[in-house]
Amino acid sequence: MFDAPVARCIICPRQLLDHETGRYLCTLCEQRIDRDLAALAGPAGLYARLCLRIQPGCRGDGPAVSGTPGRELPGGEPLNLTANGGIVSDLETWVRDWATYGLATIGTGGRLQHRIDQAVATLRLNLPRAVYRHPALDDFGKEITQARARAEAIINGEQEPRRIAVQCGCGAVSKVTLDTDGFTCRGCRTEYGHTEALSLPMAARAAA
């Protein structure tokens, strides 16, 4: 007889313990995602602090796109993250997705800081149920972790690691950094470790 496949967390992928039966994520990954979400919201959260990088005193109500004193920020990355279409829209996209699973309540709109606080609140509230019901929590977790890392890098004055587009054998393109631990291809679900990921052909070169 064949042994039953071992249930593993779809992110780490740590073997799930007996009390984690039926979950997509292990408890540790759930807790990390919750911490990353919490770090983004609130008057002292990463989003509000990013807004202050654009215009001191904006209180996170939304970035000013003109008349901002001081030197121009390279690449406009803080503006890209804080404007409509940045972190706020990414979170609201997940809220709408979770709502189709009965796992979230769509927000009522308002200022950008209010919208991000609403989105984070509903995602955190429903995360304990989502770990049993939403099969794409690996993608969700990676996006939240990346959003927090990008925000912290800007606030701390660090340069974000360069992201390189690589192509899996199935044709799907993923972006990695030189210090990536690995990734799972979205196209065929093949798992790549650090060495394998950096050995893949660059997307532009492969497509040529």
C-alpha atoms as a PDB file:
ATOM      1  CA  MET A   1       0.000   0.000   0.000  1.00  0.00           C
ATOM      2  CA  PHE A   2       1.088   3.539  -0.697  1.00  0.00           C
ATOM      3  CA  ASP A   3       1.471   5.949   2.180  1.00  0.00           C
ATOM      4  CA  ALA A   4      -0.866   8.938   2.153  1.00  0.00           C
ATOM      5  CA  PRO A   5       0.875  12.144   0.996  1.00  0.00           C
ATOM      6  CA  VAL A   6       2.160  14.332   3.809  1.00  0.00           C
ATOM      7  CA  ALA A   7       0.137  17.532   4.255  1.00  0.00           C
ATOM      8  CA  ARG A   8       2.402  20.569   4.065  1.00  0.00           C
ATOM      9  CA  CYS A   9       2.050  24.326   4.375  1.00  0.00           C
ATOM     10  CA  ILE A  10       1.770  25.811   0.873  1.00  0.00           C
ATOM     11  CA  ILE A  11       4.183  28.616   1.781  1.00  0.00           C
ATOM     12  CA  CYS A  12       7.154  27.330   3.847  1.00  0.00           C
ATOM     13  CA  PRO A  13       6.440  24.259   3.122  1.00  0.00           C
ATOM     14  CA  ARG A  14       6.582  22.875   6.678  1.00  0.00           C
ATOM     15  CA  GLN A  15       4.767  19.607   7.439  1.00  0.00           C
ATOM     16  CA  LEU A  16       1.427  20.396   9.055  1.00  0.00           C
ATOM     17  CA  LEU A  17       0.978  19.169  12.599  1.00  0.00           C
ATOM     18  CA  ASP A  18      -2.020  17.195  13.827  1.00  0.00           C
ATOM     19  CA  HIS A  19      -3.792  20.301  15.144  1.00  0.00           C
ATOM     20  CA  GLU A  20      -3.278  21.981  11.742  1.00  0.00           C
ATOM     21  CA  THR A  21      -5.120  19.288   9.775  1.00  0.00           C
ATOM     22  CA  GLY A  22      -7.238  20.729   6.980  1.00  0.00           C
ATOM     23  CA  ARG A  23      -5.305  23.994   6.746  1.00  0.00           C
ATOM     24  CA  TYR A  24      -3.440  25.405   3.751  1.00  0.00           C
ATOM     25  CA  LEU A  25      -0.955  27.205   6.003  1.00  0.00           C
ATOM     26  CA  CYS A  26       0.937  26.286   9.122  1.00  0.00           C
ATOM     27  CA  THR A  27       0.355  28.402  12.211  1.00  0.00           C
ATOM     28  CA  LEU A  28       3.739  30.125  11.913  1.00  0.00           C
ATOM     29  CA  CYS A  29       3.042  31.370   8.376  1.00  0.00           C
ATOM     30  CA  GLU A  30      -0.433  32.533   9.397  1.00  0.00           C
ATOM     31  CA  GLN A  31       1.078  34.527  12.266  1.00  0.00           C
ATOM     32  CA  ARG A  32       3.721  36.058   9.995  1.00  0.00           C
ATOM     33  CA  ILE A  33       1.104  37.190   7.458  1.00  0.00           C
ATOM     34  CA  ASP A  34      -0.973  38.696  10.257  1.00  0.00           C
ATOM     35  CA  ARG A  35       2.063  40.640  11.519  1.00  0.00           C
ATOM     36  CA  ASP A  36       2.860  41.888   8.020  1.00  0.00           C
ATOM     37  CA  LEU A  37      -0.719  43.089   7.528  1.00  0.00           C
ATOM     38  CA  ALA A  38      -0.785  44.806  10.907  1.00  0.00           C
ATOM     39  CA  ALA A  39       2.485  46.605  10.110  1.00  0.00           C
ATOM     40  CA  LEU A  40       0.949  48.286   7.047  1.00  0.00           C
ATOM     41  CA  ALA A  41      -2.070  49.957   8.683  1.00  0.00           C
ATOM     42  CA  GLY A  42      -2.780  52.582  11.316  1.00  0.00           C
ATOM     43  CA  PRO A  43      -1.555  56.127  11.948  1.00  0.00           C
ATOM     44  CA  ALA A  44       1.937  54.858  12.815  1.00  0.00           C
ATOM     45  CA  GLY A  45       1.949  52.060  10.226  1.00  0.00           C
ATOM     46  CA  LEU A  46       4.171  51.699   7.197  1.00  0.00           C
ATOM     47  CA  TYR A  47       1.642  53.233   4.794  1.00  0.00           C
ATOM     48  CA  ALA A  48       1.280  56.394   6.873  1.00  0.00           C
ATOM     49  CA  ARG A  49       5.050  56.635   7.266  1.00  0.00           C
ATOM     50  CA  LEU A  50       5.521  56.275   3.502  1.00  0.00           C
ATOM     51  CA  CYS A  51       3.143  59.192   2.999  1.00  0.00           C
ATOM     52  CA  LEU A  52       5.340  61.277   5.293  1.00  0.00           C
ATOM     53  CA  ARG A  53       8.308  60.485   3.034  1.00  0.00           C
ATOM     54  CA  ILE A  54       6.474  62.266   0.231  1.00  0.00           C
ATOM     55  CA  GLN A  55       5.097  65.214   2.161  1.00  0.00           C
ATOM     56  CA  PRO A  56       5.679  65.637   5.905  1.00  0.00           C
ATOM     57  CA  GLY A  57       2.419  66.271   7.702  1.00  0.00           C
ATOM     58  CA  CYS A  58       0.137  64.579   5.171  1.00  0.00           C
ATOM     59  CA  ARG A  59      -1.093  62.245   7.978  1.00  0.00           C
ATOM     60  CA  GLY A  60      -1.547  59.375   5.538  1.00  0.00           C
ATOM     61  CA  ASP A  61      -4.593  60.920   3.855  1.00  0.00           C
ATOM     62  CA  GLY A  62      -2.929  60.389   0.501  1.00  0.00           C
ATOM     63  CA  PRO A  63       0.266  61.554  -1.178  1.00  0.00           C
ATOM     64  CA  ALA A  64       0.715  64.976  -2.707  1.00  0.00           C
ATOM     65  CA  VAL A  65       1.757  64.743  -6.337  1.00  0.00           C
ATOM     66  CA  SER A  66       2.807  68.353  -6.852  1.00  0.00           C
ATOM     67  CA  GLY A  67       4.278  71.160  -4.841  1.00  0.00           C
ATOM     68  CA  THR A  68       6.164  68.813  -2.551  1.00  0.00           C
ATOM     69  CA  PRO A  69       9.231  70.599  -1.135  1.00  0.00           C
ATOM     70  CA  GLY A  70      12.676  69.041  -0.999  1.00  0.00           C
ATOM     71  CA  ARG A  71      14.529  66.803  -3.364  1.00  0.00           C
ATOM     72  CA  GLU A  72      12.766  64.436  -5.709  1.00  0.00           C
ATOM     73  CA  LEU A  73      12.611  60.853  -4.500  1.00  0.00           C
ATOM     74  CA  PRO A  74      14.427  58.502  -6.917  1.00  0.00           C
ATOM     75  CA  GLY A  75      12.061  56.552  -9.129  1.00  0.00           C
ATOM     76  CA  GLY A  76       8.984  57.844  -7.338  1.00  0.00           C
ATOM     77  CA  GLU A  77       8.714  54.528  -5.518  1.00  0.00           C
ATOM     78  CA  PRO A  78       7.019  55.958  -2.386  1.00  0.00           C
ATOM     79  CA  LEU A  79       4.425  57.640  -4.595  1.00  0.00           C
ATOM     80  CA  ASN A  80       3.839  54.442  -6.556  1.00  0.00           C
ATOM     81  CA  LEU A  81       3.200  52.530  -3.343  1.00  0.00           C
ATOM     82  CA  THR A  82       0.980  55.094  -1.622  1.00  0.00           C
ATOM     83  CA  ALA A  83      -1.095  56.390  -4.543  1.00  0.00           C
ATOM     84  CA  ASN A  84      -4.341  54.824  -5.694  1.00  0.00           C
ATOM     85  CA  GLY A  85      -3.200  51.706  -7.559  1.00  0.00           C
ATOM     86  CA  GLY A  86      -0.410  50.929  -5.102  1.00  0.00           C
ATOM     87  CA  ILE A  87      -0.580  49.041  -1.803  1.00  0.00           C
ATOM     88  CA  VAL A  88      -4.169  50.150  -1.178  1.00  0.00           C
ATOM     89  CA  SER A  89      -5.464  48.774  -4.470  1.00  0.00           C
ATOM     90  CA  ASP A  90      -3.486  45.546  -4.078  1.00  0.00           C
ATOM     91  CA  LEU A  91      -5.083  44.925  -0.683  1.00  0.00           C
ATOM     92  CA  GLU A  92      -8.565  45.811  -1.950  1.00  0.00           C
ATOM     93  CA  THR A  93      -8.123  43.380  -4.846  1.00  0.00           C
ATOM     94  CA  TRP A  94      -7.520  40.618  -2.321  1.00  0.00           C
ATOM     95  CA  VAL A  95     -10.536  41.764  -0.274  1.00  0.00           C
ATOM     96  CA  ARG A  96     -12.750  41.415  -3.345  1.00  0.00           C
ATOM     97  CA  ASP A  97     -11.223  38.007  -4.058  1.00  0.00           C
ATOM     98  CA  TRP A  98     -11.768  36.827  -0.495  1.00  0.00           C
ATOM     99  CA  ALA A  99     -15.350  38.113  -0.603  1.00  0.00           C
ATOM    100  CA  THR A 100     -16.113  35.544  -3.316  1.00  0.00           C
ATOM    101  CA  TYR A 101     -15.214  32.887  -0.724  1.00  0.00           C
ATOM    102  CA  GLY A 102     -17.343  34.548   1.938  1.00  0.00           C
ATOM    103  CA  LEU A 103     -14.187  35.619   3.752  1.00  0.00           C
ATOM    104  CA  ALA A 104     -14.301  39.421   3.615  1.00  0.00           C
ATOM    105  CA  THR A 105     -16.540  42.475   3.556  1.00  0.00           C
ATOM    106  CA  ILE A 106     -15.812  45.015   0.803  1.00  0.00           C
ATOM    107  CA  GLY A 107     -14.992  48.458   2.212  1.00  0.00           C
ATOM    108  CA  THR A 108     -16.978  51.646   1.884  1.00  0.00           C
ATOM    109  CA  GLY A 109     -14.286  53.756   0.231  1.00  0.00           C
ATOM    110  CA  GLY A 110     -13.006  57.073   1.553  1.00  0.00           C
ATOM    111  CA  ARG A 111      -9.514  58.456   1.919  1.00  0.00           C
ATOM    112  CA  LEU A 112      -6.591  56.214   1.114  1.00  0.00           C
ATOM    113  CA  GLN A 113      -5.514  55.740   4.735  1.00  0.00           C
ATOM    114  CA  HIS A 114      -9.077  54.795   5.692  1.00  0.00           C
ATOM    115  CA  ARG A 115      -9.257  52.342   2.788  1.00  0.00           C
ATOM    116  CA  ILE A 116      -6.023  50.588   3.715  1.00  0.00           C
ATOM    117  CA  ASP A 117      -7.111  50.367   7.356  1.00  0.00           C
ATOM    118  CA  GLN A 118     -10.439  48.845   6.278  1.00  0.00           C
ATOM    119  CA  ALA A 119      -8.780  46.331   3.967  1.00  0.00           C
ATOM    120  CA  VAL A 120      -6.217  45.257   6.556  1.00  0.00           C
ATOM    121  CA  ALA A 121      -8.899  44.936   9.241  1.00  0.00           C
ATOM    122  CA  THR A 122     -11.127  42.640   7.186  1.00  0.00           C
ATOM    123  CA  LEU A 123      -8.206  40.514   5.954  1.00  0.00           C
ATOM    124  CA  ARG A 124      -6.845  40.051   9.480  1.00  0.00           C
ATOM    125  CA  LEU A 125     -10.291  39.288  10.855  1.00  0.00           C
ATOM    126  CA  ASN A 126     -10.904  36.574   8.276  1.00  0.00           C
ATOM    127  CA  LEU A 127      -7.389  35.131   8.019  1.00  0.00           C
ATOM    128  CA  PRO A 128      -8.083  32.370  10.615  1.00  0.00           C
ATOM    129  CA  ARG A 129     -10.902  31.096   8.373  1.00  0.00           C
ATOM    130  CA  ALA A 130      -9.053  31.702   5.112  1.00  0.00           C
ATOM    131  CA  VAL A 131      -6.257  29.305   6.104  1.00  0.00           C
ATOM    132  CA  TYR A 132      -8.821  26.502   5.753  1.00  0.00           C
ATOM    133  CA  ARG A 133     -10.676  27.764   2.694  1.00  0.00           C
ATOM    134  CA  HIS A 134      -8.528  29.839   0.312  1.00  0.00           C
ATOM    135  CA  PRO A 135      -6.136  27.876  -1.945  1.00  0.00           C
ATOM    136  CA  ALA A 136      -4.116  30.919  -3.118  1.00  0.00           C
ATOM    137  CA  LEU A 137      -2.817  32.015   0.270  1.00  0.00           C
ATOM    138  CA  ASP A 138       0.735  31.383  -0.918  1.00  0.00           C
ATOM    139  CA  ASP A 139       0.401  34.175  -3.487  1.00  0.00           C
ATOM    140  CA  PHE A 140      -1.360  36.386  -0.958  1.00  0.00           C
ATOM    141  CA  GLY A 141       1.308  35.833   1.682  1.00  0.00           C
ATOM    142  CA  LYS A 142       4.150  36.594  -0.727  1.00  0.00           C
ATOM    143  CA  GLU A 143       2.526  39.840  -1.884  1.00  0.00           C
ATOM    144  CA  ILE A 144       1.942  41.041   1.672  1.00  0.00           C
ATOM    145  CA  THR A 145       5.508  40.183   2.690  1.00  0.00           C
ATOM    146  CA  GLN A 146       6.893  41.980  -0.366  1.00  0.00           C
ATOM    147  CA  ALA A 147       4.737  45.062   0.306  1.00  0.00           C
ATOM    148  CA  ARG A 148       6.046  45.279   3.866  1.00  0.00           C
ATOM    149  CA  ALA A 149       9.650  44.739   2.759  1.00  0.00           C
ATOM    150  CA  ARG A 150       9.448  47.417   0.054  1.00  0.00           C
ATOM    151  CA  ALA A 151       7.899  49.929   2.457  1.00  0.00           C
ATOM    152  CA  GLU A 152      10.466  49.251   5.179  1.00  0.00           C
ATOM    153  CA  ALA A 153      13.348  49.499   2.700  1.00  0.00           C
ATOM    154  CA  ILE A 154      12.216  52.974   1.609  1.00  0.00           C
ATOM    155  CA  ILE A 155      11.570  54.196   5.141  1.00  0.00           C
ATOM    156  CA  ASN A 156      14.951  52.910   6.340  1.00  0.00           C
ATOM    157  CA  GLY A 157      16.736  54.392   3.341  1.00  0.00           C
ATOM    158  CA  GLU A 158      17.721  51.052   1.904  1.00  0.00           C
ATOM    159  CA  GLN A 159      17.796  50.317  -1.807  1.00  0.00           C
ATOM    160  CA  GLU A 160      15.322  47.636  -2.837  1.00  0.00           C
ATOM    161  CA  PRO A 161      17.070  44.535  -4.253  1.00  0.00           C
ATOM    162  CA  ARG A 162      16.983  44.396  -8.016  1.00  0.00           C
ATOM    163  CA  ARG A 163      14.306  42.012  -9.259  1.00  0.00           C
ATOM    164  CA  ILE A 164      15.142  39.827 -12.268  1.00  0.00           C
ATOM    165  CA  ALA A 165      12.520  38.291 -14.564  1.00  0.00           C
ATOM    166  CA  VAL A 166      13.224  34.591 -15.156  1.00  0.00           C
ATOM    167  CA  GLN A 167      11.312  32.077 -17.240  1.00  0.00           C
ATOM    168  CA  CYS A 168      10.251  28.602 -16.168  1.00  0.00           C
ATOM    169  CA  GLY A 169      10.324  25.716 -18.634  1.00  0.00           C
ATOM    170  CA  CYS A 170       6.518  25.988 -18.886  1.00  0.00           C
ATOM    171  CA  GLY A 171       6.874  29.556 -20.179  1.00  0.00           C
ATOM    172  CA  ALA A 172       5.623  31.379 -17.074  1.00  0.00           C
ATOM    173  CA  VAL A 173       7.663  34.389 -15.957  1.00  0.00           C
ATOM    174  CA  SER A 174       8.547  35.089 -12.309  1.00  0.00           C
ATOM    175  CA  LYS A 175      10.649  37.803 -10.687  1.00  0.00           C
ATOM    176  CA  VAL A 176      13.415  36.936  -8.235  1.00  0.00           C
ATOM    177  CA  THR A 177      16.229  38.728  -6.424  1.00  0.00           C
ATOM    178  CA  LEU A 178      19.819  37.577  -6.022  1.00  0.00           C
ATOM    179  CA  ASP A 179      19.138  36.616  -2.400  1.00  0.00           C
ATOM    180  CA  THR A 180      15.851  34.828  -3.045  1.00  0.00           C
ATOM    181  CA  ASP A 181      15.236  31.622  -1.091  1.00  0.00           C
ATOM    182  CA  GLY A 182      13.324  30.203  -4.060  1.00  0.00           C
ATOM    183  CA  PHE A 183       9.826  30.343  -5.487  1.00  0.00           C
ATOM    184  CA  THR A 184       6.969  28.242  -6.836  1.00  0.00           C
ATOM    185  CA  CYS A 185       6.092  28.740 -10.501  1.00  0.00           C
ATOM    186  CA  ARG A 186       2.549  30.065 -10.893  1.00  0.00           C
ATOM    187  CA  GLY A 187       2.171  28.290 -14.211  1.00  0.00           C
ATOM    188  CA  CYS A 188       3.096  24.685 -13.430  1.00  0.00           C
ATOM    189  CA  ARG A 189       3.656  24.841  -9.627  1.00  0.00           C
ATOM    190  CA  THR A 190       7.256  23.621  -9.967  1.00  0.00           C
ATOM    191  CA  GLU A 191       9.291  24.514  -6.875  1.00  0.00           C
ATOM    192  CA  TYR A 192      12.709  26.133  -7.392  1.00  0.00           C
ATOM    193  CA  GLY A 193      15.339  26.556  -4.683  1.00  0.00           C
ATOM    194  CA  HIS A 194      17.846  29.417  -4.572  1.00  0.00           C
ATOM    195  CA  THR A 195      20.362  27.864  -6.995  1.00  0.00           C
ATOM    196  CA  GLU A 196      17.728  26.545  -9.405  1.00  0.00           C
ATOM    197  CA  ALA A 197      15.889  29.896  -9.465  1.00  0.00           C
ATOM    198  CA  LEU A 198      19.026  31.835 -10.370  1.00  0.00           C
ATOM    199  CA  SER A 199      19.926  29.251 -13.023  1.00  0.00           C
ATOM    200  CA  LEU A 200      16.721  29.850 -15.011  1.00  0.00           C
ATOM    201  CA  PRO A 201      17.058  31.874 -18.220  1.00  0.00           C
ATOM    202  CA  MET A 202      16.178  35.547 -18.060  1.00  0.00           C
ATOM    203  CA  ALA A 203      12.723  36.134 -19.515  1.00  0.00           C
ATOM    204  CA  ALA A 204      13.731  38.648 -22.185  1.00  0.00           C
ATOM    205  CA  ARG A 205      16.612  36.510 -23.348  1.00  0.00           C
ATOM    206  CA  ALA A 206      14.496  33.349 -23.400  1.00  0.00           C
ATOM    207  CA  ALA A 207      11.792  35.046 -25.412  1.00  0.00           C
ATOM    208  CA  ALA A 208      14.254  36.353 -27.992  1.00  0.00           C
END
